[in-house]
């Protein structure tokens, strides 16, 4: 199973989607990066592709917010 990790920069709000190796690096820089979500990229892409404009935008926005 493949997973992706979503991080958000604490000062700039930049969002990164990374693999497990990069996630370990970002965890070491916790003062700058905050882990906000772990997702199955295939499932998320299927949801985005099948959704209409507003729903698609909501899914993408929710990925970068802490649950």
C-alpha atoms as a PDB file:
ATOM      1  CA  UNK A   1       0.000   0.000   0.000  1.00  0.00           C
ATOM      2  CA  UNK A   2       1.253   3.426  -0.920  1.00  0.00           C
ATOM      3  CA  UNK A   3       0.628   6.454   1.276  1.00  0.00           C
ATOM      4  CA  UNK A   4       1.339  10.141   0.938  1.00  0.00           C
ATOM      5  CA  UNK A   5       1.974  12.589   3.751  1.00  0.00           C
ATOM      6  CA  UNK A   6       0.690  16.148   3.646  1.00  0.00           C
ATOM      7  CA  UNK A   7       2.689  18.857   5.422  1.00  0.00           C
ATOM      8  CA  UNK A   8       2.026  22.566   5.803  1.00  0.00           C
ATOM      9  CA  UNK A   9       4.708  25.173   6.445  1.00  0.00           C
ATOM     10  CA  UNK A  10       3.952  26.995   9.689  1.00  0.00           C
ATOM     11  CA  UNK A  11       4.918  30.474   8.432  1.00  0.00           C
ATOM     12  CA  UNK A  12       4.228  30.489   4.692  1.00  0.00           C
ATOM     13  CA  UNK A  13       1.334  27.962   4.576  1.00  0.00           C
ATOM     14  CA  UNK A  14       3.059  26.174   1.681  1.00  0.00           C
ATOM     15  CA  UNK A  15       1.658  22.643   1.321  1.00  0.00           C
ATOM     16  CA  UNK A  16       3.826  19.647   0.401  1.00  0.00           C
ATOM     17  CA  UNK A  17       2.754  16.102  -0.408  1.00  0.00           C
ATOM     18  CA  UNK A  18       5.659  13.734   0.181  1.00  0.00           C
ATOM     19  CA  UNK A  19       6.694  10.099   0.496  1.00  0.00           C
ATOM     20  CA  UNK A  20       7.822   8.405   3.707  1.00  0.00           C
ATOM     21  CA  UNK A  21      11.509   9.312   3.272  1.00  0.00           C
ATOM     22  CA  UNK A  22      10.835  13.033   2.845  1.00  0.00           C
ATOM     23  CA  UNK A  23       8.262  12.884   5.670  1.00  0.00           C
ATOM     24  CA  UNK A  24      10.996  11.757   8.046  1.00  0.00           C
ATOM     25  CA  UNK A  25      13.079  14.776   7.066  1.00  0.00           C
ATOM     26  CA  UNK A  26      10.169  17.145   7.605  1.00  0.00           C
ATOM     27  CA  UNK A  27       9.395  15.560  10.986  1.00  0.00           C
ATOM     28  CA  UNK A  28      12.933  16.455  12.011  1.00  0.00           C
ATOM     29  CA  UNK A  29      12.131  20.096  11.136  1.00  0.00           C
ATOM     30  CA  UNK A  30       8.938  20.268  13.221  1.00  0.00           C
ATOM     31  CA  UNK A  31       9.448  23.924  14.095  1.00  0.00           C
ATOM     32  CA  UNK A  32       8.813  24.724  10.397  1.00  0.00           C
ATOM     33  CA  UNK A  33       6.578  21.915   9.093  1.00  0.00           C
ATOM     34  CA  UNK A  34       3.349  20.507  10.492  1.00  0.00           C
ATOM     35  CA  UNK A  35       1.984  17.100   9.465  1.00  0.00           C
ATOM     36  CA  UNK A  36      -1.682  17.618   8.609  1.00  0.00           C
ATOM     37  CA  UNK A  37      -2.779  14.448   6.857  1.00  0.00           C
ATOM     38  CA  UNK A  38      -1.828  10.962   5.700  1.00  0.00           C
ATOM     39  CA  UNK A  39      -3.704   9.772   2.631  1.00  0.00           C
ATOM     40  CA  UNK A  40      -3.948   6.997   0.083  1.00  0.00           C
ATOM     41  CA  UNK A  41      -3.066   8.932  -3.080  1.00  0.00           C
ATOM     42  CA  UNK A  42      -5.031   6.634  -5.404  1.00  0.00           C
ATOM     43  CA  UNK A  43      -8.251   7.062  -3.427  1.00  0.00           C
ATOM     44  CA  UNK A  44      -7.808  10.827  -3.180  1.00  0.00           C
ATOM     45  CA  UNK A  45      -7.092  11.172  -6.899  1.00  0.00           C
ATOM     46  CA  UNK A  46     -10.201   9.125  -7.713  1.00  0.00           C
ATOM     47  CA  UNK A  47     -12.311  11.412  -5.511  1.00  0.00           C
ATOM     48  CA  UNK A  48     -10.850  14.548  -7.098  1.00  0.00           C
ATOM     49  CA  UNK A  49     -11.292  13.302 -10.672  1.00  0.00           C
ATOM     50  CA  UNK A  50     -14.906  12.225 -10.087  1.00  0.00           C
ATOM     51  CA  UNK A  51     -15.934  15.424  -8.290  1.00  0.00           C
ATOM     52  CA  UNK A  52     -17.340  18.637  -9.743  1.00  0.00           C
ATOM     53  CA  UNK A  53     -15.692  22.058  -9.319  1.00  0.00           C
ATOM     54  CA  UNK A  54     -16.876  23.094  -5.845  1.00  0.00           C
ATOM     55  CA  UNK A  55     -16.638  19.630  -4.343  1.00  0.00           C
ATOM     56  CA  UNK A  56     -13.182  19.160  -5.888  1.00  0.00           C
ATOM     57  CA  UNK A  57     -11.982  22.444  -4.397  1.00  0.00           C
ATOM     58  CA  UNK A  58     -13.339  21.435  -0.978  1.00  0.00           C
ATOM     59  CA  UNK A  59     -11.504  18.067  -1.075  1.00  0.00           C
ATOM     60  CA  UNK A  60      -8.235  19.771  -1.982  1.00  0.00           C
ATOM     61  CA  UNK A  61      -8.673  22.440   0.702  1.00  0.00           C
ATOM     62  CA  UNK A  62      -9.451  19.837   3.371  1.00  0.00           C
ATOM     63  CA  UNK A  63      -6.252  17.938   2.575  1.00  0.00           C
ATOM     64  CA  UNK A  64      -4.187  20.843   3.866  1.00  0.00           C
ATOM     65  CA  UNK A  65      -6.160  21.357   7.092  1.00  0.00           C
ATOM     66  CA  UNK A  66      -5.578  19.547  10.349  1.00  0.00           C
ATOM     67  CA  UNK A  67      -8.520  17.230  11.148  1.00  0.00           C
END
